[in-house]
C-alpha atoms as a PDB file:
ATOM      1  CA  MET A   1     177.387  61.059  43.789  1.00  0.00           C
ATOM      2  CA  ASP A   2     179.449  63.878  42.377  1.00  0.00           C
ATOM      3  CA  ARG A   3     182.321  63.714  44.857  1.00  0.00           C
ATOM      4  CA  LEU A   4     184.111  66.648  43.244  1.00  0.00           C
ATOM      5  CA  ILE A   5     181.269  69.065  44.011  1.00  0.00           C
ATOM      6  CA  ILE A   6     181.131  68.004  47.641  1.00  0.00           C
ATOM      7  CA  GLU A   7     184.913  68.007  48.005  1.00  0.00           C
ATOM      8  CA  LYS A   8     185.129  71.559  46.614  1.00  0.00           C
ATOM      9  CA  LYS A   9     182.423  72.715  49.014  1.00  0.00           C
ATOM     10  CA  LEU A  10     184.198  71.011  51.915  1.00  0.00           C
ATOM     11  CA  ASP A  11     187.421  72.799  50.917  1.00  0.00           C
ATOM     12  CA  SER A  12     185.556  76.116  50.870  1.00  0.00           C
ATOM     13  CA  LEU A  13     184.084  75.314  54.269  1.00  0.00           C
ATOM     14  CA  GLN A  14     187.550  74.647  55.686  1.00  0.00           C
ATOM     15  CA  ARG A  15     188.811  77.966  54.285  1.00  0.00           C
ATOM     16  CA  CYS A  16     185.935  79.795  55.978  1.00  0.00           C
ATOM     17  CA  LEU A  17     186.639  78.085  59.282  1.00  0.00           C
ATOM     18  CA  GLU A  18     190.363  78.834  59.046  1.00  0.00           C
ATOM     19  CA  ARG A  19     189.587  82.488  58.343  1.00  0.00           C
ATOM     20  CA  ILE A  20     187.265  82.682  61.353  1.00  0.00           C
ATOM     21  CA  ARG A  21     189.801  80.989  63.627  1.00  0.00           C
ATOM     22  CA  SER A  22     192.583  83.276  62.473  1.00  0.00           C
ATOM     23  CA  LYS A  23     190.549  86.454  62.981  1.00  0.00           C
ATOM     24  CA  ALA A  24     188.408  85.721  66.044  1.00  0.00           C
ATOM     25  CA  PRO A  25     189.407  88.162  68.810  1.00  0.00           C
ATOM     26  CA  LEU A  26     190.008  87.067  72.369  1.00  0.00           C
ATOM     27  CA  ASP A  27     187.118  89.134  73.711  1.00  0.00           C
ATOM     28  CA  VAL A  28     183.724  90.474  72.616  1.00  0.00           C
ATOM     29  CA  ALA A  29     184.729  94.098  73.258  1.00  0.00           C
ATOM     30  CA  SER A  30     187.414  93.857  70.568  1.00  0.00           C
ATOM     31  CA  LEU A  31     184.847  92.518  68.122  1.00  0.00           C
ATOM     32  CA  ILE A  32     182.374  95.300  68.958  1.00  0.00           C
ATOM     33  CA  ARG A  33     185.040  97.959  68.284  1.00  0.00           C
ATOM     34  CA  ASP A  34     186.206  96.552  64.944  1.00  0.00           C
ATOM     35  CA  LEU A  35     183.715  96.843  62.079  1.00  0.00           C
ATOM     36  CA  ASP A  36     186.025  95.123  59.602  1.00  0.00           C
ATOM     37  CA  LEU A  37     186.468  92.182  61.949  1.00  0.00           C
ATOM     38  CA  GLN A  38     182.692  91.970  62.367  1.00  0.00           C
ATOM     39  CA  ASP A  39     182.325  91.737  58.603  1.00  0.00           C
ATOM     40  CA  VAL A  40     185.028  89.082  58.245  1.00  0.00           C
ATOM     41  CA  LEU A  41     183.509  86.872  60.936  1.00  0.00           C
ATOM     42  CA  VAL A  42     179.892  87.246  59.864  1.00  0.00           C
ATOM     43  CA  LEU A  43     180.665  86.764  56.179  1.00  0.00           C
ATOM     44  CA  ASN A  44     182.629  83.591  56.838  1.00  0.00           C
ATOM     45  CA  LEU A  45     180.096  82.245  59.336  1.00  0.00           C
ATOM     46  CA  THR A  46     177.211  82.795  56.921  1.00  0.00           C
ATOM     47  CA  ARG A  47     179.235  81.199  54.135  1.00  0.00           C
ATOM     48  CA  ALA A  48     180.017  78.216  56.373  1.00  0.00           C
ATOM     49  CA  VAL A  49     176.330  77.706  57.143  1.00  0.00           C
ATOM     50  CA  GLN A  50     175.368  78.082  53.490  1.00  0.00           C
ATOM     51  CA  LEU A  51     178.050  75.621  52.379  1.00  0.00           C
ATOM     52  CA  CYS A  52     176.774  73.049  54.865  1.00  0.00           C
ATOM     53  CA  VAL A  53     173.230  73.539  53.591  1.00  0.00           C
ATOM     54  CA  ASP A  54     174.405  73.225  49.990  1.00  0.00           C
ATOM     55  CA  ILE A  55     176.287  70.008  50.777  1.00  0.00           C
ATOM     56  CA  ALA A  56     173.291  68.589  52.645  1.00  0.00           C
ATOM     57  CA  VAL A  57     170.905  69.371  49.786  1.00  0.00           C
ATOM     58  CA  HIS A  58     173.324  67.905  47.250  1.00  0.00           C
ATOM     59  CA  ILE A  59     173.565  64.664  49.227  1.00  0.00           C
ATOM     60  CA  LEU A  60     169.790  64.467  49.629  1.00  0.00           C
ATOM     61  CA  THR A  61     169.301  65.069  45.905  1.00  0.00           C
ATOM     62  CA  GLU A  62     171.789  62.334  45.069  1.00  0.00           C
ATOM     63  CA  ARG A  63     169.810  60.008  47.356  1.00  0.00           C
ATOM     64  CA  ARG A  64     166.650  60.945  45.458  1.00  0.00           C
ATOM     65  CA  GLN A  65     165.062  62.619  48.454  1.00  0.00           C
ATOM     66  CA  PRO A  66     162.585  65.436  47.875  1.00  0.00           C
ATOM     67  CA  PRO A  67     164.047  68.887  48.415  1.00  0.00           C
ATOM     68  CA  PRO A  68     163.725  70.119  52.009  1.00  0.00           C
ATOM     69  CA  GLU A  69     161.076  72.758  52.694  1.00  0.00           C
ATOM     70  CA  THR A  70     163.601  74.839  54.628  1.00  0.00           C
ATOM     71  CA  MET A  71     167.373  75.029  54.873  1.00  0.00           C
ATOM     72  CA  GLY A  72     167.301  73.746  58.441  1.00  0.00           C
ATOM     73  CA  ARG A  73     165.192  70.778  57.409  1.00  0.00           C
ATOM     74  CA  ALA A  74     168.067  69.572  55.201  1.00  0.00           C
ATOM     75  CA  PHE A  75     170.029  68.638  58.320  1.00  0.00           C
ATOM     76  CA  GLU A  76     167.058  66.831  59.870  1.00  0.00           C
ATOM     77  CA  LEU A  77     166.661  64.795  56.685  1.00  0.00           C
ATOM     78  CA  LEU A  78     170.346  63.837  56.750  1.00  0.00           C
ATOM     79  CA  ALA A  79     169.842  62.629  60.310  1.00  0.00           C
ATOM     80  CA  GLN A  80     166.810  60.599  59.200  1.00  0.00           C
ATOM     81  CA  GLU A  81     169.021  59.033  56.512  1.00  0.00           C
ATOM     82  CA  ASN A  82     171.547  58.094  59.262  1.00  0.00           C
ATOM     83  CA  LEU A  83     174.150  60.342  57.670  1.00  0.00           C
ATOM     84  CA  LEU A  84     174.286  62.860  60.518  1.00  0.00           C
ATOM     85  CA  ASP A  85     174.000  62.678  64.288  1.00  0.00           C
ATOM     86  CA  PRO A  86     170.538  64.001  65.280  1.00  0.00           C
ATOM     87  CA  ALA A  87     171.967  66.340  67.945  1.00  0.00           C
ATOM     88  CA  LEU A  88     174.409  67.797  65.428  1.00  0.00           C
ATOM     89  CA  ALA A  89     171.565  68.160  62.937  1.00  0.00           C
ATOM     90  CA  GLN A  90     169.644  70.258  65.476  1.00  0.00           C
ATOM     91  CA  ARG A  91     172.649  72.483  66.185  1.00  0.00           C
ATOM     92  CA  LEU A  92     173.206  73.030  62.470  1.00  0.00           C
ATOM     93  CA  LYS A  93     169.521  73.789  62.037  1.00  0.00           C
ATOM     94  CA  LYS A  94     169.952  76.552  64.630  1.00  0.00           C
ATOM     95  CA  SER A  95     172.927  77.882  62.680  1.00  0.00           C
ATOM     96  CA  VAL A  96     170.548  78.540  59.790  1.00  0.00           C
ATOM     97  CA  GLY A  97     168.681  80.922  62.086  1.00  0.00           C
ATOM     98  CA  PHE A  98     171.920  82.824  62.664  1.00  0.00           C
ATOM     99  CA  ARG A  99     172.601  82.885  58.924  1.00  0.00           C
ATOM    100  CA  ASN A 100     169.128  84.273  58.220  1.00  0.00           C
ATOM    101  CA  LEU A 101     169.562  86.979  60.840  1.00  0.00           C
ATOM    102  CA  ALA A 102     172.977  87.920  59.476  1.00  0.00           C
ATOM    103  CA  VAL A 103     171.744  88.089  55.901  1.00  0.00           C
ATOM    104  CA  HIS A 104     168.346  89.705  56.428  1.00  0.00           C
ATOM    105  CA  ASN A 105     168.613  91.712  59.662  1.00  0.00           C
ATOM    106  CA  TYR A 106     172.310  92.533  60.057  1.00  0.00           C
ATOM    107  CA  GLU A 107     171.721  95.445  62.429  1.00  0.00           C
ATOM    108  CA  ALA A 108     170.158  93.069  64.980  1.00  0.00           C
ATOM    109  CA  ILE A 109     173.242  90.861  65.318  1.00  0.00           C
ATOM    110  CA  ASN A 110     174.325  90.142  68.868  1.00  0.00           C
ATOM    111  CA  TRP A 111     178.123  90.349  68.792  1.00  0.00           C
ATOM    112  CA  ALA A 112     178.455  88.246  71.934  1.00  0.00           C
ATOM    113  CA  ILE A 113     176.735  85.407  70.071  1.00  0.00           C
ATOM    114  CA  VAL A 114     178.990  85.880  67.041  1.00  0.00           C
ATOM    115  CA  HIS A 115     182.026  85.812  69.318  1.00  0.00           C
ATOM    116  CA  SER A 116     180.769  82.662  71.024  1.00  0.00           C
ATOM    117  CA  ILE A 117     180.183  80.895  67.717  1.00  0.00           C
ATOM    118  CA  ALA A 118     183.571  81.981  66.379  1.00  0.00           C
ATOM    119  CA  THR A 119     185.500  80.918  69.470  1.00  0.00           C
ATOM    120  CA  ARG A 120     183.534  77.951  70.827  1.00  0.00           C
ATOM    121  CA  ASN A 121     181.137  76.478  68.275  1.00  0.00           C
ATOM    122  CA  LEU A 122     183.074  75.943  65.059  1.00  0.00           C
ATOM    123  CA  LYS A 123     183.399  72.294  66.034  1.00  0.00           C
ATOM    124  CA  ASP A 124     179.872  71.710  64.711  1.00  0.00           C
ATOM    125  CA  PHE A 125     181.070  72.608  61.215  1.00  0.00           C
ATOM    126  CA  ASP A 126     184.112  70.364  61.602  1.00  0.00           C
ATOM    127  CA  ASP A 127     181.878  67.532  62.810  1.00  0.00           C
ATOM    128  CA  PHE A 128     179.563  68.041  59.840  1.00  0.00           C
ATOM    129  CA  ALA A 129     182.496  67.823  57.427  1.00  0.00           C
ATOM    130  CA  ARG A 130     183.748  64.653  59.116  1.00  0.00           C
ATOM    131  CA  SER A 131     180.265  63.114  58.895  1.00  0.00           C
ATOM    132  CA  VAL A 132     180.026  63.922  55.206  1.00  0.00           C
ATOM    133  CA  ILE A 133     183.424  62.372  54.551  1.00  0.00           C
ATOM    134  CA  ALA A 134     182.674  59.301  56.680  1.00  0.00           C
ATOM    135  CA  THR A 135     179.199  58.591  55.335  1.00  0.00           C
ATOM    136  CA  ALA A 136     178.323  60.338  52.101  1.00  0.00           C
ATOM    137  CA  LEU A 137     181.717  60.270  50.407  1.00  0.00           C
ATOM    138  CA  THR A 138     182.698  56.774  51.502  1.00  0.00           C
ATOM    139  CA  GLY A 139     179.276  55.283  50.964  1.00  0.00           C
ATOM    140  CA  SER A 140     178.953  53.896  54.491  1.00  0.00           C
ATOM    141  CA  GLY A 141     175.657  55.704  54.895  1.00  0.00           C
ATOM    142  CA  ASP A 142     174.256  54.302  51.656  1.00  0.00           C
ATOM    143  CA  ARG A 143     171.321  51.996  52.005  1.00  0.00           C
ATOM    144  CA  ASP A 144     172.546  49.894  49.087  1.00  0.00           C
ATOM    145  CA  GLY A 145     176.246  49.854  49.973  1.00  0.00           C
END
């Protein structure tokens, strides 16, 4: 496995999460009033989701798995490979739905949901990173190792 690729993506993921944590306002009303803040949060949340998908696909490719039909399916396949908790896989799959909305239908974004993700749900991304480090990078999830 090309550890360097995954490590760089994990570093990028951590930068996105730090940016979100540093900019997330205390209340939804503040987010609704601040267009720049909206952009910062949505950009970094969509990047975080995309980085997780990219990491998942890279791991699956290295394990000689066929490419997933959808981005969300990548997380389910990691769970099937015992590299990711199934409940976490489902939550990350849902994050792909947010990413798709943010990228393709920006005007329909619910800022209360963005605020909730930014202030209460970043742990899923942290948990994903920990799972990748614990299983894919150390080899403990390998069938042969």
